[in-house]
Amino acid sequence: MDKMPDPPRESNALWTYTQVAAFLHVSLSTAKRLPIPRVKIDHSVRFFPERVRDWAASRSIPRLPEDPNV
């Protein structure tokens, strides 16, 4: 089984699909299907780290309240 790459370190550099996949802890094929805002530079696709974080945060779901009957 292939080892997942380490999540990207803090930097102003744009991220690749591999770095996005590592940050989100998903496979590369899943990262390529996600509707995350991206930029295309010539033939390369890159991501602004803050937009990846914002996108991930917008996908969070609230915790269900505790059931008082349990």
N, C-alpha and C. Protein backbone atom coordinates (compact mmCIF):
# COMPACT_ATOMS: atom_id res chain seq x y z
N MET A 1 0.84 -1.18 0.00
CA MET A 1 0.00 0.00 0.00
C MET A 1 0.89 1.25 0.00
N ASP A 2 0.54 2.23 -0.80
CA ASP A 2 1.33 3.46 -0.89
C ASP A 2 1.17 4.29 0.36
N LYS A 3 2.29 4.88 0.80
CA LYS A 3 2.26 5.76 1.96
C LYS A 3 1.69 7.11 1.53
N MET A 4 0.79 7.66 2.36
CA MET A 4 0.24 8.99 2.09
C MET A 4 1.36 10.01 2.30
N PRO A 5 1.44 11.01 1.42
CA PRO A 5 2.46 12.05 1.64
C PRO A 5 2.13 12.87 2.88
N ASP A 6 3.16 13.49 3.42
CA ASP A 6 2.95 14.36 4.58
C ASP A 6 2.13 15.57 4.17
N PRO A 7 1.27 16.08 5.07
CA PRO A 7 0.53 17.31 4.75
C PRO A 7 1.51 18.45 4.47
N PRO A 8 1.10 19.40 3.65
CA PRO A 8 2.00 20.50 3.34
C PRO A 8 2.32 21.35 4.56
N ARG A 9 3.52 21.88 4.58
CA ARG A 9 3.91 22.80 5.65
C ARG A 9 3.37 24.19 5.32
N GLU A 10 3.28 25.01 6.35
CA GLU A 10 2.80 26.38 6.14
C GLU A 10 3.74 27.11 5.18
N SER A 11 3.16 27.75 4.23
CA SER A 11 3.94 28.45 3.22
C SER A 11 2.99 29.28 2.38
N ASN A 12 3.53 30.26 1.68
CA ASN A 12 2.74 31.04 0.76
C ASN A 12 2.64 30.37 -0.60
N ALA A 13 3.33 29.26 -0.78
CA ALA A 13 3.34 28.57 -2.06
C ALA A 13 1.97 27.95 -2.34
N LEU A 14 1.64 27.87 -3.60
CA LEU A 14 0.40 27.19 -4.00
C LEU A 14 0.57 25.69 -3.81
N TRP A 15 -0.53 25.00 -3.53
CA TRP A 15 -0.50 23.56 -3.32
C TRP A 15 -0.85 22.81 -4.59
N THR A 16 -0.34 21.60 -4.67
CA THR A 16 -0.67 20.68 -5.76
C THR A 16 -1.83 19.78 -5.30
N TYR A 17 -2.36 18.97 -6.25
CA TYR A 17 -3.38 18.01 -5.86
C TYR A 17 -2.87 17.07 -4.77
N THR A 18 -1.62 16.65 -4.87
CA THR A 18 -1.05 15.74 -3.88
C THR A 18 -1.04 16.37 -2.49
N GLN A 19 -0.69 17.64 -2.41
CA GLN A 19 -0.67 18.33 -1.12
C GLN A 19 -2.09 18.53 -0.57
N VAL A 20 -3.03 18.83 -1.45
CA VAL A 20 -4.43 18.97 -1.01
C VAL A 20 -4.93 17.63 -0.47
N ALA A 21 -4.64 16.55 -1.18
CA ALA A 21 -5.06 15.22 -0.72
C ALA A 21 -4.47 14.90 0.65
N ALA A 22 -3.20 15.22 0.84
CA ALA A 22 -2.56 14.97 2.14
C ALA A 22 -3.19 15.81 3.24
N PHE A 23 -3.45 17.08 2.95
CA PHE A 23 -4.05 17.97 3.95
C PHE A 23 -5.43 17.47 4.36
N LEU A 24 -6.23 17.01 3.39
CA LEU A 24 -7.60 16.55 3.68
C LEU A 24 -7.66 15.08 4.10
N HIS A 25 -6.53 14.38 4.03
CA HIS A 25 -6.48 12.95 4.35
C HIS A 25 -7.43 12.15 3.46
N VAL A 26 -7.36 12.42 2.16
CA VAL A 26 -8.15 11.69 1.17
C VAL A 26 -7.21 11.21 0.07
N SER A 27 -7.70 10.31 -0.77
CA SER A 27 -6.88 9.84 -1.87
C SER A 27 -6.72 10.92 -2.93
N LEU A 28 -5.75 10.75 -3.77
CA LEU A 28 -5.50 11.70 -4.86
C LEU A 28 -6.70 11.75 -5.80
N SER A 29 -7.29 10.60 -6.10
CA SER A 29 -8.45 10.59 -7.01
C SER A 29 -9.64 11.32 -6.39
N THR A 30 -9.82 11.21 -5.08
CA THR A 30 -10.90 11.94 -4.41
C THR A 30 -10.62 13.44 -4.46
N ALA A 31 -9.39 13.84 -4.19
CA ALA A 31 -9.03 15.26 -4.21
C ALA A 31 -9.32 15.87 -5.59
N LYS A 32 -9.09 15.11 -6.63
CA LYS A 32 -9.31 15.62 -7.99
C LYS A 32 -10.80 15.80 -8.30
N ARG A 33 -11.67 15.11 -7.58
CA ARG A 33 -13.11 15.23 -7.82
C ARG A 33 -13.78 16.31 -6.97
N LEU A 34 -13.11 16.77 -5.94
CA LEU A 34 -13.72 17.74 -5.03
C LEU A 34 -13.83 19.12 -5.68
N PRO A 35 -14.92 19.83 -5.40
CA PRO A 35 -15.11 21.16 -6.01
C PRO A 35 -14.41 22.29 -5.24
N ILE A 36 -13.13 22.12 -5.03
CA ILE A 36 -12.35 23.12 -4.31
C ILE A 36 -11.90 24.19 -5.30
N PRO A 37 -11.99 25.48 -4.92
CA PRO A 37 -11.51 26.53 -5.82
C PRO A 37 -10.03 26.30 -6.18
N ARG A 38 -9.72 26.47 -7.45
CA ARG A 38 -8.37 26.20 -7.94
C ARG A 38 -7.99 27.20 -9.02
N VAL A 39 -6.74 27.24 -9.33
CA VAL A 39 -6.26 28.09 -10.42
C VAL A 39 -5.51 27.20 -11.41
N LYS A 40 -5.61 27.57 -12.68
CA LYS A 40 -4.88 26.83 -13.70
C LYS A 40 -3.78 27.74 -14.23
N ILE A 41 -2.56 27.25 -14.17
CA ILE A 41 -1.40 27.98 -14.64
C ILE A 41 -0.78 27.12 -15.74
N ASP A 42 -0.96 27.56 -16.97
CA ASP A 42 -0.54 26.80 -18.14
C ASP A 42 -1.25 25.44 -18.08
N HIS A 43 -0.52 24.34 -17.92
CA HIS A 43 -1.15 23.02 -17.86
C HIS A 43 -1.24 22.50 -16.42
N SER A 44 -0.90 23.32 -15.46
CA SER A 44 -0.88 22.90 -14.06
C SER A 44 -2.06 23.46 -13.30
N VAL A 45 -2.60 22.66 -12.39
CA VAL A 45 -3.67 23.10 -11.49
C VAL A 45 -3.05 23.27 -10.11
N ARG A 46 -3.33 24.42 -9.48
CA ARG A 46 -2.79 24.70 -8.15
C ARG A 46 -3.89 25.27 -7.27
N PHE A 47 -3.63 25.26 -5.96
CA PHE A 47 -4.62 25.67 -4.97
C PHE A 47 -4.00 26.67 -4.00
N PHE A 48 -4.77 27.70 -3.64
CA PHE A 48 -4.36 28.60 -2.57
C PHE A 48 -4.68 27.90 -1.25
N PRO A 49 -3.68 27.72 -0.37
CA PRO A 49 -3.92 26.99 0.88
C PRO A 49 -5.09 27.53 1.69
N GLU A 50 -5.23 28.87 1.78
CA GLU A 50 -6.32 29.43 2.59
C GLU A 50 -7.69 29.09 1.99
N ARG A 51 -7.78 28.97 0.69
CA ARG A 51 -9.06 28.60 0.07
C ARG A 51 -9.39 27.14 0.31
N VAL A 52 -8.37 26.29 0.35
CA VAL A 52 -8.60 24.87 0.68
C VAL A 52 -9.11 24.78 2.11
N ARG A 53 -8.47 25.51 3.03
CA ARG A 53 -8.91 25.50 4.44
C ARG A 53 -10.34 26.04 4.57
N ASP A 54 -10.63 27.15 3.87
CA ASP A 54 -11.98 27.73 3.93
C ASP A 54 -13.01 26.76 3.37
N TRP A 55 -12.67 26.10 2.27
CA TRP A 55 -13.59 25.13 1.67
C TRP A 55 -13.87 23.99 2.65
N ALA A 56 -12.81 23.47 3.25
CA ALA A 56 -12.97 22.37 4.20
C ALA A 56 -13.81 22.80 5.40
N ALA A 57 -13.57 24.00 5.91
CA ALA A 57 -14.34 24.51 7.05
C ALA A 57 -15.81 24.68 6.69
N SER A 58 -16.09 25.06 5.46
CA SER A 58 -17.48 25.26 5.05
C SER A 58 -18.23 23.94 4.93
N ARG A 59 -17.51 22.83 4.89
CA ARG A 59 -18.12 21.51 4.77
C ARG A 59 -18.40 20.86 6.12
N SER A 60 -18.02 21.52 7.20
CA SER A 60 -18.20 20.91 8.52
C SER A 60 -19.68 20.83 8.86
N ILE A 61 -20.01 19.83 9.63
CA ILE A 61 -21.40 19.65 10.06
C ILE A 61 -21.46 19.78 11.58
N PRO A 62 -22.56 20.34 12.08
CA PRO A 62 -22.65 20.51 13.54
C PRO A 62 -22.84 19.16 14.24
N ARG A 63 -22.38 19.11 15.45
CA ARG A 63 -22.61 17.91 16.27
C ARG A 63 -24.07 17.84 16.64
N LEU A 64 -24.58 16.64 16.69
CA LEU A 64 -25.97 16.46 17.12
C LEU A 64 -26.05 16.69 18.63
N PRO A 65 -27.14 17.31 19.07
CA PRO A 65 -27.27 17.53 20.52
C PRO A 65 -27.42 16.18 21.23
N GLU A 66 -27.01 16.17 22.47
CA GLU A 66 -27.14 14.94 23.27
C GLU A 66 -28.62 14.59 23.40
N ASP A 67 -28.93 13.31 23.29
CA ASP A 67 -30.30 12.84 23.43
C ASP A 67 -30.62 12.74 24.93
N PRO A 68 -31.56 13.55 25.43
CA PRO A 68 -31.85 13.52 26.88
C PRO A 68 -32.50 12.22 27.32
N ASN A 69 -32.99 11.41 26.38
CA ASN A 69 -33.66 10.15 26.73
C ASN A 69 -32.70 8.98 26.83
N VAL A 70 -31.41 9.22 26.70
CA VAL A 70 -30.45 8.11 26.74
C VAL A 70 -29.81 8.05 28.08
